[in-house]
Amino acid sequence: MAQHNLLGQKGEDLAAEYLLKNGYKIIERNWRFRKAEVDLIAQKENILAVIEVKTRTSLDFGNPQDFVNPKKIKLMVSAINEYVISKNLDVSVRFDIIGILQNGNETKLEHLEDAFYIF
């Protein structure tokens, strides 16, 4: 597996661990629909949190969460619409980003709830 893929997998593992420690239940990992992939789908009470995880080793090009672009957002929204309909869920949906900076032995995690809104 390529080095960037290993870093991404490690970031997703750290994010899932963080969510579990904070009362979330992980429902899906790397859920796919058409061209979309959702890193984590978690639930806490009646909120379905759709989470994009971005992991970087430096801030040279900006914060990890800054790399979620409009195309990715559009794909995530269409995927989650399908997910909620196909599972017949009655939940509130929230889109989050977890940004992880892994620099040597130091790890910083930032959880942005309601990172973007869909109208």
PDB file of N, CA and C in Angstrom:
ATOM      1  N   MET A   1       0.851  -1.171   0.000  1.00  0.00           N
ATOM      2  CA  MET A   1       0.000   0.000   0.000  1.00  0.00           C
ATOM      3  C   MET A   1       0.901   1.241   0.000  1.00  0.00           C
ATOM      4  N   ALA A   2       0.534   2.247  -0.763  1.00  0.00           N
ATOM      5  CA  ALA A   2       1.315   3.475  -0.863  1.00  0.00           C
ATOM      6  C   ALA A   2       1.345   4.201   0.484  1.00  0.00           C
ATOM      7  N   GLN A   3       2.418   4.965   0.705  1.00  0.00           N
ATOM      8  CA  GLN A   3       2.611   5.661   1.973  1.00  0.00           C
ATOM      9  C   GLN A   3       1.442   6.592   2.316  1.00  0.00           C
ATOM     10  N   HIS A   4       0.927   7.331   1.305  1.00  0.00           N
ATOM     11  CA  HIS A   4      -0.193   8.242   1.586  1.00  0.00           C
ATOM     12  C   HIS A   4      -1.454   7.478   1.964  1.00  0.00           C
ATOM     13  N   ASN A   5      -1.627   6.278   1.399  1.00  0.00           N
ATOM     14  CA  ASN A   5      -2.781   5.456   1.768  1.00  0.00           C
ATOM     15  C   ASN A   5      -2.672   4.965   3.209  1.00  0.00           C
ATOM     16  N   LEU A   6      -1.439   4.614   3.611  1.00  0.00           N
ATOM     17  CA  LEU A   6      -1.223   4.186   4.995  1.00  0.00           C
ATOM     18  C   LEU A   6      -1.506   5.329   5.964  1.00  0.00           C
ATOM     19  N   LEU A   7      -1.074   6.528   5.609  1.00  0.00           N
ATOM     20  CA  LEU A   7      -1.324   7.696   6.447  1.00  0.00           C
ATOM     21  C   LEU A   7      -2.828   7.948   6.560  1.00  0.00           C
ATOM     22  N   GLY A   8      -3.535   7.861   5.445  1.00  0.00           N
ATOM     23  CA  GLY A   8      -4.984   8.051   5.449  1.00  0.00           C
ATOM     24  C   GLY A   8      -5.691   7.017   6.304  1.00  0.00           C
ATOM     25  N   GLN A   9      -5.260   5.756   6.198  1.00  0.00           N
ATOM     26  CA  GLN A   9      -5.859   4.690   7.005  1.00  0.00           C
ATOM     27  C   GLN A   9      -5.606   4.922   8.490  1.00  0.00           C
ATOM     28  N   LYS A  10      -4.388   5.336   8.823  1.00  0.00           N
ATOM     29  CA  LYS A  10      -4.064   5.621  10.222  1.00  0.00           C
ATOM     30  C   LYS A  10      -4.929   6.772  10.741  1.00  0.00           C
ATOM     31  N   GLY A  11      -5.115   7.800   9.909  1.00  0.00           N
ATOM     32  CA  GLY A  11      -5.962   8.920  10.294  1.00  0.00           C
ATOM     33  C   GLY A  11      -7.396   8.492  10.540  1.00  0.00           C
ATOM     34  N   GLU A  12      -7.931   7.642   9.669  1.00  0.00           N
ATOM     35  CA  GLU A  12      -9.295   7.157   9.852  1.00  0.00           C
ATOM     36  C   GLU A  12      -9.419   6.329  11.126  1.00  0.00           C
ATOM     37  N   ASP A  13      -8.389   5.531  11.427  1.00  0.00           N
ATOM     38  CA  ASP A  13      -8.397   4.747  12.662  1.00  0.00           C
ATOM     39  C   ASP A  13      -8.400   5.663  13.884  1.00  0.00           C
ATOM     40  N   LEU A  14      -7.563   6.715  13.853  1.00  0.00           N
ATOM     41  CA  LEU A  14      -7.520   7.675  14.966  1.00  0.00           C
ATOM     42  C   LEU A  14      -8.855   8.395  15.125  1.00  0.00           C
ATOM     43  N   ALA A  15      -9.463   8.773  13.998  1.00  0.00           N
ATOM     44  CA  ALA A  15     -10.753   9.459  14.035  1.00  0.00           C
ATOM     45  C   ALA A  15     -11.836   8.550  14.614  1.00  0.00           C
ATOM     46  N   ALA A  16     -11.867   7.302  14.190  1.00  0.00           N
ATOM     47  CA  ALA A  16     -12.860   6.357  14.701  1.00  0.00           C
ATOM     48  C   ALA A  16     -12.680   6.152  16.207  1.00  0.00           C
ATOM     49  N   GLU A  17     -11.447   6.024  16.646  1.00  0.00           N
ATOM     50  CA  GLU A  17     -11.154   5.866  18.072  1.00  0.00           C
ATOM     51  C   GLU A  17     -11.630   7.092  18.860  1.00  0.00           C
ATOM     52  N   TYR A  18     -11.346   8.267  18.335  1.00  0.00           N
ATOM     53  CA  TYR A  18     -11.786   9.514  18.961  1.00  0.00           C
ATOM     54  C   TYR A  18     -13.315   9.551  19.078  1.00  0.00           C
ATOM     55  N   LEU A  19     -14.005   9.200  18.001  1.00  0.00           N
ATOM     56  CA  LEU A  19     -15.469   9.235  18.010  1.00  0.00           C
ATOM     57  C   LEU A  19     -16.042   8.252  19.027  1.00  0.00           C
ATOM     58  N   LEU A  20     -15.494   7.047  19.066  1.00  0.00           N
ATOM     59  CA  LEU A  20     -15.962   6.051  20.029  1.00  0.00           C
ATOM     60  C   LEU A  20     -15.791   6.552  21.465  1.00  0.00           C
ATOM     61  N   LYS A  21     -14.658   7.178  21.748  1.00  0.00           N
ATOM     62  CA  LYS A  21     -14.401   7.709  23.095  1.00  0.00           C
ATOM     63  C   LYS A  21     -15.352   8.846  23.441  1.00  0.00           C
ATOM     64  N   ASN A  22     -15.932   9.476  22.434  1.00  0.00           N
ATOM     65  CA  ASN A  22     -16.832  10.604  22.657  1.00  0.00           C
ATOM     66  C   ASN A  22     -18.303  10.247  22.465  1.00  0.00           C
ATOM     67  N   GLY A  23     -18.617   8.970  22.585  1.00  0.00           N
ATOM     68  CA  GLY A  23     -20.010   8.536  22.626  1.00  0.00           C
ATOM     69  C   GLY A  23     -20.680   8.239  21.298  1.00  0.00           C
ATOM     70  N   TYR A  24     -19.913   8.193  20.224  1.00  0.00           N
ATOM     71  CA  TYR A  24     -20.472   7.859  18.913  1.00  0.00           C
ATOM     72  C   TYR A  24     -20.400   6.353  18.683  1.00  0.00           C
ATOM     73  N   LYS A  25     -21.290   5.881  17.870  1.00  0.00           N
ATOM     74  CA  LYS A  25     -21.249   4.495  17.398  1.00  0.00           C
ATOM     75  C   LYS A  25     -20.861   4.560  15.919  1.00  0.00           C
ATOM     76  N   ILE A  26     -19.832   3.839  15.530  1.00  0.00           N
ATOM     77  CA  ILE A  26     -19.420   3.810  14.128  1.00  0.00           C
ATOM     78  C   ILE A  26     -20.360   2.863  13.382  1.00  0.00           C
ATOM     79  N   ILE A  27     -21.054   3.402  12.384  1.00  0.00           N
ATOM     80  CA  ILE A  27     -22.029   2.627  11.613  1.00  0.00           C
ATOM     81  C   ILE A  27     -21.373   2.044  10.352  1.00  0.00           C
ATOM     82  N   GLU A  28     -20.586   2.861   9.677  1.00  0.00           N
ATOM     83  CA  GLU A  28     -19.937   2.448   8.424  1.00  0.00           C
ATOM     84  C   GLU A  28     -18.547   3.068   8.344  1.00  0.00           C
ATOM     85  N   ARG A  29     -17.646   2.349   7.665  1.00  0.00           N
ATOM     86  CA  ARG A  29     -16.330   2.890   7.327  1.00  0.00           C
ATOM     87  C   ARG A  29     -16.146   2.722   5.826  1.00  0.00           C
ATOM     88  N   ASN A  30     -15.684   3.777   5.186  1.00  0.00           N
ATOM     89  CA  ASN A  30     -15.416   3.763   3.744  1.00  0.00           C
ATOM     90  C   ASN A  30     -16.622   3.294   2.944  1.00  0.00           C
ATOM     91  N   TRP A  31     -17.774   3.855   3.243  1.00  0.00           N
ATOM     92  CA  TRP A  31     -19.006   3.499   2.543  1.00  0.00           C
ATOM     93  C   TRP A  31     -19.015   4.151   1.171  1.00  0.00           C
ATOM     94  N   ARG A  32     -19.341   3.366   0.155  1.00  0.00           N
ATOM     95  CA  ARG A  32     -19.287   3.848  -1.229  1.00  0.00           C
ATOM     96  C   ARG A  32     -20.664   3.855  -1.879  1.00  0.00           C
ATOM     97  N   PHE A  33     -20.864   4.886  -2.682  1.00  0.00           N
ATOM     98  CA  PHE A  33     -22.046   4.976  -3.532  1.00  0.00           C
ATOM     99  C   PHE A  33     -21.612   5.690  -4.809  1.00  0.00           C
ATOM    100  N   ARG A  34     -21.739   5.011  -5.912  1.00  0.00           N
ATOM    101  CA  ARG A  34     -21.278   5.524  -7.201  1.00  0.00           C
ATOM    102  C   ARG A  34     -19.832   6.006  -7.087  1.00  0.00           C
ATOM    103  N   LYS A  35     -19.570   7.281  -7.346  1.00  0.00           N
ATOM    104  CA  LYS A  35     -18.195   7.790  -7.288  1.00  0.00           C
ATOM    105  C   LYS A  35     -17.809   8.338  -5.918  1.00  0.00           C
ATOM    106  N   ALA A  36     -18.714   8.267  -4.976  1.00  0.00           N
ATOM    107  CA  ALA A  36     -18.476   8.845  -3.656  1.00  0.00           C
ATOM    108  C   ALA A  36     -17.984   7.790  -2.675  1.00  0.00           C
ATOM    109  N   GLU A  37     -17.118   8.236  -1.781  1.00  0.00           N
ATOM    110  CA  GLU A  37     -16.726   7.416  -0.643  1.00  0.00           C
ATOM    111  C   GLU A  37     -16.816   8.285   0.603  1.00  0.00           C
ATOM    112  N   VAL A  38     -17.518   7.779   1.603  1.00  0.00           N
ATOM    113  CA  VAL A  38     -17.650   8.471   2.875  1.00  0.00           C
ATOM    114  C   VAL A  38     -16.749   7.745   3.867  1.00  0.00           C
ATOM    115  N   ASP A  39     -15.820   8.483   4.458  1.00  0.00           N
ATOM    116  CA  ASP A  39     -14.843   7.851   5.352  1.00  0.00           C
ATOM    117  C   ASP A  39     -15.505   7.188   6.543  1.00  0.00           C
ATOM    118  N   LEU A  40     -16.310   7.939   7.272  1.00  0.00           N
ATOM    119  CA  LEU A  40     -16.967   7.401   8.464  1.00  0.00           C
ATOM    120  C   LEU A  40     -18.406   7.891   8.539  1.00  0.00           C
ATOM    121  N   ILE A  41     -19.279   6.979   8.899  1.00  0.00           N
ATOM    122  CA  ILE A  41     -20.660   7.333   9.228  1.00  0.00           C
ATOM    123  C   ILE A  41     -20.848   6.873  10.668  1.00  0.00           C
ATOM    124  N   ALA A  42     -21.183   7.828  11.521  1.00  0.00           N
ATOM    125  CA  ALA A  42     -21.320   7.530  12.943  1.00  0.00           C
ATOM    126  C   ALA A  42     -22.645   8.080  13.451  1.00  0.00           C
ATOM    127  N   GLN A  43     -23.104   7.514  14.552  1.00  0.00           N
ATOM    128  CA  GLN A  43     -24.353   7.998  15.125  1.00  0.00           C
ATOM    129  C   GLN A  43     -24.167   8.271  16.609  1.00  0.00           C
ATOM    130  N   LYS A  44     -24.743   9.388  17.028  1.00  0.00           N
ATOM    131  CA  LYS A  44     -24.798   9.748  18.445  1.00  0.00           C
ATOM    132  C   LYS A  44     -26.190  10.274  18.681  1.00  0.00           C
ATOM    133  N   GLU A  45     -26.930   9.546  19.485  1.00  0.00           N
ATOM    134  CA  GLU A  45     -28.334   9.837  19.723  1.00  0.00           C
ATOM    135  C   GLU A  45     -29.068   9.835  18.384  1.00  0.00           C
ATOM    136  N   ASN A  46     -29.770  10.916  18.042  1.00  0.00           N
ATOM    137  CA  ASN A  46     -30.545  10.932  16.795  1.00  0.00           C
ATOM    138  C   ASN A  46     -29.815  11.692  15.685  1.00  0.00           C
ATOM    139  N   ILE A  47     -28.490  11.803  15.801  1.00  0.00           N
ATOM    140  CA  ILE A  47     -27.702  12.509  14.786  1.00  0.00           C
ATOM    141  C   ILE A  47     -26.830  11.521  14.042  1.00  0.00           C
ATOM    142  N   LEU A  48     -26.968  11.532  12.736  1.00  0.00           N
ATOM    143  CA  LEU A  48     -26.099  10.752  11.874  1.00  0.00           C
ATOM    144  C   LEU A  48     -24.980  11.685  11.422  1.00  0.00           C
ATOM    145  N   ALA A  49     -23.775  11.425  11.901  1.00  0.00           N
ATOM    146  CA  ALA A  49     -22.627  12.267  11.562  1.00  0.00           C
ATOM    147  C   ALA A  49     -21.889  11.641  10.384  1.00  0.00           C
ATOM    148  N   VAL A  50     -21.789  12.405   9.318  1.00  0.00           N
ATOM    149  CA  VAL A  50     -21.091  11.992   8.105  1.00  0.00           C
ATOM    150  C   VAL A  50     -19.726  12.675   8.172  1.00  0.00           C
ATOM    151  N   ILE A  51     -18.670  11.872   8.222  1.00  0.00           N
ATOM    152  CA  ILE A  51     -17.371  12.434   8.568  1.00  0.00           C
ATOM    153  C   ILE A  51     -16.339  12.183   7.475  1.00  0.00           C
ATOM    154  N   GLU A  52     -15.740  13.268   7.033  1.00  0.00           N
ATOM    155  CA  GLU A  52     -14.610  13.225   6.113  1.00  0.00           C
ATOM    156  C   GLU A  52     -13.361  13.406   6.966  1.00  0.00           C
ATOM    157  N   VAL A  53     -12.409  12.496   6.821  1.00  0.00           N
ATOM    158  CA  VAL A  53     -11.171  12.552   7.590  1.00  0.00           C
ATOM    159  C   VAL A  53     -10.050  12.984   6.653  1.00  0.00           C
ATOM    160  N   LYS A  54      -9.325  14.009   7.046  1.00  0.00           N
ATOM    161  CA  LYS A  54      -8.171  14.496   6.275  1.00  0.00           C
ATOM    162  C   LYS A  54      -6.947  14.456   7.176  1.00  0.00           C
ATOM    163  N   THR A  55      -5.926  13.746   6.737  1.00  0.00           N
ATOM    164  CA  THR A  55      -4.706  13.583   7.518  1.00  0.00           C
ATOM    165  C   THR A  55      -3.529  14.121   6.724  1.00  0.00           C
ATOM    166  N   ARG A  56      -2.700  14.887   7.390  1.00  0.00           N
ATOM    167  CA  ARG A  56      -1.509  15.467   6.755  1.00  0.00           C
ATOM    168  C   ARG A  56      -0.327  15.332   7.708  1.00  0.00           C
ATOM    169  N   THR A  57       0.882  15.461   7.158  1.00  0.00           N
ATOM    170  CA  THR A  57       2.092  15.402   7.974  1.00  0.00           C
ATOM    171  C   THR A  57       2.697  16.777   8.223  1.00  0.00           C
ATOM    172  N   SER A  58       2.181  17.792   7.552  1.00  0.00           N
ATOM    173  CA  SER A  58       2.662  19.156   7.794  1.00  0.00           C
ATOM    174  C   SER A  58       1.571  20.142   7.408  1.00  0.00           C
ATOM    175  N   LEU A  59       1.774  21.376   7.822  1.00  0.00           N
ATOM    176  CA  LEU A  59       0.839  22.445   7.479  1.00  0.00           C
ATOM    177  C   LEU A  59       1.358  23.290   6.323  1.00  0.00           C
ATOM    178  N   ASP A  60       2.344  22.792   5.606  1.00  0.00           N
ATOM    179  CA  ASP A  60       2.962  23.553   4.518  1.00  0.00           C
ATOM    180  C   ASP A  60       1.951  24.056   3.490  1.00  0.00           C
ATOM    181  N   PHE A  61       0.917  23.286   3.243  1.00  0.00           N
ATOM    182  CA  PHE A  61      -0.069  23.672   2.233  1.00  0.00           C
ATOM    183  C   PHE A  61      -1.416  24.038   2.837  1.00  0.00           C
ATOM    184  N   GLY A  62      -1.486  24.146   4.159  1.00  0.00           N
ATOM    185  CA  GLY A  62      -2.723  24.519   4.831  1.00  0.00           C
ATOM    186  C   GLY A  62      -3.187  23.444   5.791  1.00  0.00           C
ATOM    187  N   ASN A  63      -4.265  23.739   6.487  1.00  0.00           N
ATOM    188  CA  ASN A  63      -4.853  22.788   7.430  1.00  0.00           C
ATOM    189  C   ASN A  63      -5.463  21.602   6.694  1.00  0.00           C
ATOM    190  N   PRO A  64      -5.435  20.429   7.304  1.00  0.00           N
ATOM    191  CA  PRO A  64      -6.001  19.247   6.636  1.00  0.00           C
ATOM    192  C   PRO A  64      -7.448  19.448   6.179  1.00  0.00           C
ATOM    193  N   GLN A  65      -8.258  20.093   7.012  1.00  0.00           N
ATOM    194  CA  GLN A  65      -9.674  20.267   6.687  1.00  0.00           C
ATOM    195  C   GLN A  65      -9.904  21.192   5.497  1.00  0.00           C
ATOM    196  N   ASP A  66      -8.891  21.974   5.136  1.00  0.00           N
ATOM    197  CA  ASP A  66      -9.028  22.873   3.992  1.00  0.00           C
ATOM    198  C   ASP A  66      -9.041  22.130   2.651  1.00  0.00           C
ATOM    199  N   PHE A  67      -8.775  20.841   2.686  1.00  0.00           N
ATOM    200  CA  PHE A  67      -8.694  20.062   1.456  1.00  0.00           C
ATOM    201  C   PHE A  67     -10.014  19.372   1.083  1.00  0.00           C
ATOM    202  N   VAL A  68     -11.090  19.693   1.784  1.00  0.00           N
ATOM    203  CA  VAL A  68     -12.411  19.181   1.415  1.00  0.00           C
ATOM    204  C   VAL A  68     -13.005  20.196   0.448  1.00  0.00           C
ATOM    205  N   ASN A  69     -13.052  19.811  -0.822  1.00  0.00           N
ATOM    206  CA  ASN A  69     -13.474  20.749  -1.869  1.00  0.00           C
ATOM    207  C   ASN A  69     -14.966  20.596  -2.206  1.00  0.00           C
ATOM    208  N   PRO A  70     -15.520  21.540  -2.957  1.00  0.00           N
ATOM    209  CA  PRO A  70     -16.957  21.483  -3.303  1.00  0.00           C
ATOM    210  C   PRO A  70     -17.366  20.197  -4.029  1.00  0.00           C
ATOM    211  N   LYS A  71     -16.499  19.664  -4.857  1.00  0.00           N
ATOM    212  CA  LYS A  71     -16.829  18.408  -5.549  1.00  0.00           C
ATOM    213  C   LYS A  71     -16.999  17.271  -4.543  1.00  0.00           C
ATOM    214  N   LYS A  72     -16.100  17.183  -3.570  1.00  0.00           N
ATOM    215  CA  LYS A  72     -16.188  16.149  -2.538  1.00  0.00           C
ATOM    216  C   LYS A  72     -17.461  16.329  -1.720  1.00  0.00           C
ATOM    217  N   ILE A  73     -17.791  17.558  -1.393  1.00  0.00           N
ATOM    218  CA  ILE A  73     -19.003  17.837  -0.626  1.00  0.00           C
ATOM    219  C   ILE A  73     -20.235  17.363  -1.399  1.00  0.00           C
ATOM    220  N   LYS A  74     -20.287  17.682  -2.687  1.00  0.00           N
ATOM    221  CA  LYS A  74     -21.431  17.279  -3.520  1.00  0.00           C
ATOM    222  C   LYS A  74     -21.559  15.755  -3.572  1.00  0.00           C
ATOM    223  N   LEU A  75     -20.442  15.061  -3.722  1.00  0.00           N
ATOM    224  CA  LEU A  75     -20.466  13.599  -3.755  1.00  0.00           C
ATOM    225  C   LEU A  75     -20.935  13.026  -2.413  1.00  0.00           C
ATOM    226  N   MET A  76     -20.456  13.600  -1.318  1.00  0.00           N
ATOM    227  CA  MET A  76     -20.862  13.120   0.000  1.00  0.00           C
ATOM    228  C   MET A  76     -22.360  13.300   0.222  1.00  0.00           C
ATOM    229  N   VAL A  77     -22.883  14.444  -0.186  1.00  0.00           N
ATOM    230  CA  VAL A  77     -24.305  14.719   0.002  1.00  0.00           C
ATOM    231  C   VAL A  77     -25.159  13.723  -0.784  1.00  0.00           C
ATOM    232  N   SER A  78     -24.796  13.470  -2.040  1.00  0.00           N
ATOM    233  CA  SER A  78     -25.585  12.513  -2.833  1.00  0.00           C
ATOM    234  C   SER A  78     -25.486  11.106  -2.247  1.00  0.00           C
ATOM    235  N   ALA A  79     -24.314  10.743  -1.762  1.00  0.00           N
ATOM    236  CA  ALA A  79     -24.153   9.412  -1.165  1.00  0.00           C
ATOM    237  C   ALA A  79     -24.997   9.273   0.099  1.00  0.00           C
ATOM    238  N   ILE A  80     -24.992  10.284   0.939  1.00  0.00           N
ATOM    239  CA  ILE A  80     -25.736  10.194   2.193  1.00  0.00           C
ATOM    240  C   ILE A  80     -27.237  10.262   1.951  1.00  0.00           C
ATOM    241  N   ASN A  81     -27.667  10.999   0.956  1.00  0.00           N
ATOM    242  CA  ASN A  81     -29.087  10.968   0.602  1.00  0.00           C
ATOM    243  C   ASN A  81     -29.503   9.547   0.280  1.00  0.00           C
ATOM    244  N   GLU A  82     -28.712   8.863  -0.530  1.00  0.00           N
ATOM    245  CA  GLU A  82     -28.999   7.469  -0.875  1.00  0.00           C
ATOM    246  C   GLU A  82     -28.950   6.584   0.365  1.00  0.00           C
ATOM    247  N   TYR A  83     -27.963   6.787   1.209  1.00  0.00           N
ATOM    248  CA  TYR A  83     -27.796   5.974   2.420  1.00  0.00           C
ATOM    249  C   TYR A  83     -29.026   6.081   3.322  1.00  0.00           C
ATOM    250  N   VAL A  84     -29.451   7.306   3.601  1.00  0.00           N
ATOM    251  CA  VAL A  84     -30.593   7.528   4.497  1.00  0.00           C
ATOM    252  C   VAL A  84     -31.864   6.925   3.910  1.00  0.00           C
ATOM    253  N   ILE A  85     -32.068   7.099   2.609  1.00  0.00           N
ATOM    254  CA  ILE A  85     -33.260   6.542   1.959  1.00  0.00           C
ATOM    255  C   ILE A  85     -33.222   5.016   1.947  1.00  0.00           C
ATOM    256  N   SER A  86     -32.076   4.446   1.555  1.00  0.00           N
ATOM    257  CA  SER A  86     -31.984   2.981   1.440  1.00  0.00           C
ATOM    258  C   SER A  86     -32.090   2.283   2.793  1.00  0.00           C
ATOM    259  N   LYS A  87     -31.668   2.957   3.853  1.00  0.00           N
ATOM    260  CA  LYS A  87     -31.737   2.372   5.204  1.00  0.00           C
ATOM    261  C   LYS A  87     -33.009   2.785   5.938  1.00  0.00           C
ATOM    262  N   ASN A  88     -33.822   3.625   5.279  1.00  0.00           N
ATOM    263  CA  ASN A  88     -35.077   4.110   5.860  1.00  0.00           C
ATOM    264  C   ASN A  88     -34.845   4.709   7.254  1.00  0.00           C
ATOM    265  N   LEU A  89     -33.876   5.614   7.340  1.00  0.00           N
ATOM    266  CA  LEU A  89     -33.503   6.210   8.619  1.00  0.00           C
ATOM    267  C   LEU A  89     -34.300   7.483   8.895  1.00  0.00           C
ATOM    268  N   ASP A  90     -34.622   7.689  10.146  1.00  0.00           N
ATOM    269  CA  ASP A  90     -35.276   8.913  10.593  1.00  0.00           C
ATOM    270  C   ASP A  90     -34.325   9.605  11.565  1.00  0.00           C
ATOM    271  N   VAL A  91     -33.342  10.307  11.005  1.00  0.00           N
ATOM    272  CA  VAL A  91     -32.300  10.950  11.797  1.00  0.00           C
ATOM    273  C   VAL A  91     -32.003  12.328  11.234  1.00  0.00           C
ATOM    274  N   SER A  92     -31.365  13.148  12.043  1.00  0.00           N
ATOM    275  CA  SER A  92     -30.805  14.409  11.562  1.00  0.00           C
ATOM    276  C   SER A  92     -29.419  14.097  11.034  1.00  0.00           C
ATOM    277  N   VAL A  93     -29.081  14.683   9.901  1.00  0.00           N
ATOM    278  CA  VAL A  93     -27.776  14.442   9.291  1.00  0.00           C
ATOM    279  C   VAL A  93     -26.895  15.666   9.496  1.00  0.00           C
ATOM    280  N   ARG A  94     -25.659  15.407   9.892  1.00  0.00           N
ATOM    281  CA  ARG A  94     -24.684  16.466  10.108  1.00  0.00           C
ATOM    282  C   ARG A  94     -23.395  16.079   9.375  1.00  0.00           C
ATOM    283  N   PHE A  95     -22.789  17.037   8.696  1.00  0.00           N
ATOM    284  CA  PHE A  95     -21.546  16.792   7.974  1.00  0.00           C
ATOM    285  C   PHE A  95     -20.379  17.371   8.771  1.00  0.00           C
ATOM    286  N   ASP A  96     -19.452  16.500   9.153  1.00  0.00           N
ATOM    287  CA  ASP A  96     -18.303  16.888   9.960  1.00  0.00           C
ATOM    288  C   ASP A  96     -17.013  16.634   9.186  1.00  0.00           C
ATOM    289  N   ILE A  97     -15.961  17.302   9.622  1.00  0.00           N
ATOM    290  CA  ILE A  97     -14.619  17.030   9.126  1.00  0.00           C
ATOM    291  C   ILE A  97     -13.734  16.801  10.341  1.00  0.00           C
ATOM    292  N   ILE A  98     -12.936  15.772  10.283  1.00  0.00           N
ATOM    293  CA  ILE A  98     -11.898  15.577  11.292  1.00  0.00           C
ATOM    294  C   ILE A  98     -10.566  15.763  10.596  1.00  0.00           C
ATOM    295  N   GLY A  99      -9.846  16.784  11.018  1.00  0.00           N
ATOM    296  CA  GLY A  99      -8.518  17.075  10.485  1.00  0.00           C
ATOM    297  C   GLY A  99      -7.468  16.560  11.446  1.00  0.00           C
ATOM    298  N   ILE A 100      -6.501  15.827  10.906  1.00  0.00           N
ATOM    299  CA  ILE A 100      -5.449  15.255  11.740  1.00  0.00           C
ATOM    300  C   ILE A 100      -4.098  15.682  11.192  1.00  0.00           C
ATOM    301  N   LEU A 101      -3.272  16.194  12.076  1.00  0.00           N
ATOM    302  CA  LEU A 101      -1.897  16.537  11.733  1.00  0.00           C
ATOM    303  C   LEU A 101      -0.997  15.545  12.457  1.00  0.00           C
ATOM    304  N   GLN A 102      -0.314  14.708  11.690  1.00  0.00           N
ATOM    305  CA  GLN A 102       0.595  13.695  12.229  1.00  0.00           C
ATOM    306  C   GLN A 102       2.011  14.105  11.862  1.00  0.00           C
ATOM    307  N   ASN A 103       2.707  14.733  12.806  1.00  0.00           N
ATOM    308  CA  ASN A 103       4.044  15.246  12.555  1.00  0.00           C
ATOM    309  C   ASN A 103       5.009  14.569  13.525  1.00  0.00           C
ATOM    310  N   GLY A 104       5.739  13.571  13.040  1.00  0.00           N
ATOM    311  CA  GLY A 104       6.623  12.813  13.912  1.00  0.00           C
ATOM    312  C   GLY A 104       5.820  12.071  14.957  1.00  0.00           C
ATOM    313  N   ASN A 105       6.171  12.277  16.227  1.00  0.00           N
ATOM    314  CA  ASN A 105       5.458  11.621  17.326  1.00  0.00           C
ATOM    315  C   ASN A 105       4.269  12.436  17.826  1.00  0.00           C
ATOM    316  N   GLU A 106       4.064  13.590  17.243  1.00  0.00           N
ATOM    317  CA  GLU A 106       2.987  14.472  17.692  1.00  0.00           C
ATOM    318  C   GLU A 106       1.770  14.335  16.781  1.00  0.00           C
ATOM    319  N   THR A 107       0.600  14.175  17.392  1.00  0.00           N
ATOM    320  CA  THR A 107      -0.649  14.076  16.649  1.00  0.00           C
ATOM    321  C   THR A 107      -1.631  15.098  17.189  1.00  0.00           C
ATOM    322  N   LYS A 108      -2.195  15.889  16.291  1.00  0.00           N
ATOM    323  CA  LYS A 108      -3.240  16.843  16.659  1.00  0.00           C
ATOM    324  C   LYS A 108      -4.493  16.488  15.874  1.00  0.00           C
ATOM    325  N   LEU A 109      -5.613  16.430  16.561  1.00  0.00           N
ATOM    326  CA  LEU A 109      -6.892  16.095  15.937  1.00  0.00           C
ATOM    327  C   LEU A 109      -7.857  17.235  16.202  1.00  0.00           C
ATOM    328  N   GLU A 110      -8.534  17.669  15.146  1.00  0.00           N
ATOM    329  CA  GLU A 110      -9.553  18.717  15.276  1.00  0.00           C
ATOM    330  C   GLU A 110     -10.851  18.211  14.650  1.00  0.00           C
ATOM    331  N   HIS A 111     -11.919  18.217  15.449  1.00  0.00           N
ATOM    332  CA  HIS A 111     -13.226  17.758  14.987  1.00  0.00           C
ATOM    333  C   HIS A 111     -14.104  18.975  14.730  1.00  0.00           C
ATOM    334  N   LEU A 112     -14.432  19.200  13.478  1.00  0.00           N
ATOM    335  CA  LEU A 112     -15.296  20.319  13.095  1.00  0.00           C
ATOM    336  C   LEU A 112     -16.712  19.774  12.868  1.00  0.00           C
ATOM    337  N   GLU A 113     -17.593  20.007  13.822  1.00  0.00           N
ATOM    338  CA  GLU A 113     -18.987  19.599  13.660  1.00  0.00           C
ATOM    339  C   GLU A 113     -19.690  20.621  12.769  1.00  0.00           C
ATOM    340  N   ASP A 114     -20.655  20.130  11.998  1.00  0.00           N
ATOM    341  CA  ASP A 114     -21.372  21.006  11.064  1.00  0.00           C
ATOM    342  C   ASP A 114     -20.387  21.804  10.212  1.00  0.00           C
ATOM    343  N   ALA A 115     -19.452  21.110   9.632  1.00  0.00           N
ATOM    344  CA  ALA A 115     -18.382  21.758   8.864  1.00  0.00           C
ATOM    345  C   ALA A 115     -18.923  22.477   7.636  1.00  0.00           C
ATOM    346  N   PHE A 116     -20.017  21.975   7.094  1.00  0.00           N
ATOM    347  CA  PHE A 116     -20.672  22.665   5.988  1.00  0.00           C
ATOM    348  C   PHE A 116     -22.148  22.333   6.026  1.00  0.00           C
ATOM    349  N   TYR A 117     -22.935  23.230   5.455  1.00  0.00           N
ATOM    350  CA  TYR A 117     -24.387  23.095   5.458  1.00  0.00           C
ATOM    351  C   TYR A 117     -24.895  22.880   4.047  1.00  0.00           C
ATOM    352  N   ILE A 118     -25.929  22.102   3.954  1.00  0.00           N
ATOM    353  CA  ILE A 118     -26.567  21.826   2.667  1.00  0.00           C
ATOM    354  C   ILE A 118     -27.964  22.429   2.693  1.00  0.00           C
ATOM    355  N   PHE A 119     -28.272  23.201   1.684  1.00  0.00           N
ATOM    356  CA  PHE A 119     -29.581  23.842   1.627  1.00  0.00           C
ATOM    357  C   PHE A 119     -30.423  23.193   0.568  1.00  0.00           C
TER     358      PHE A 119
END
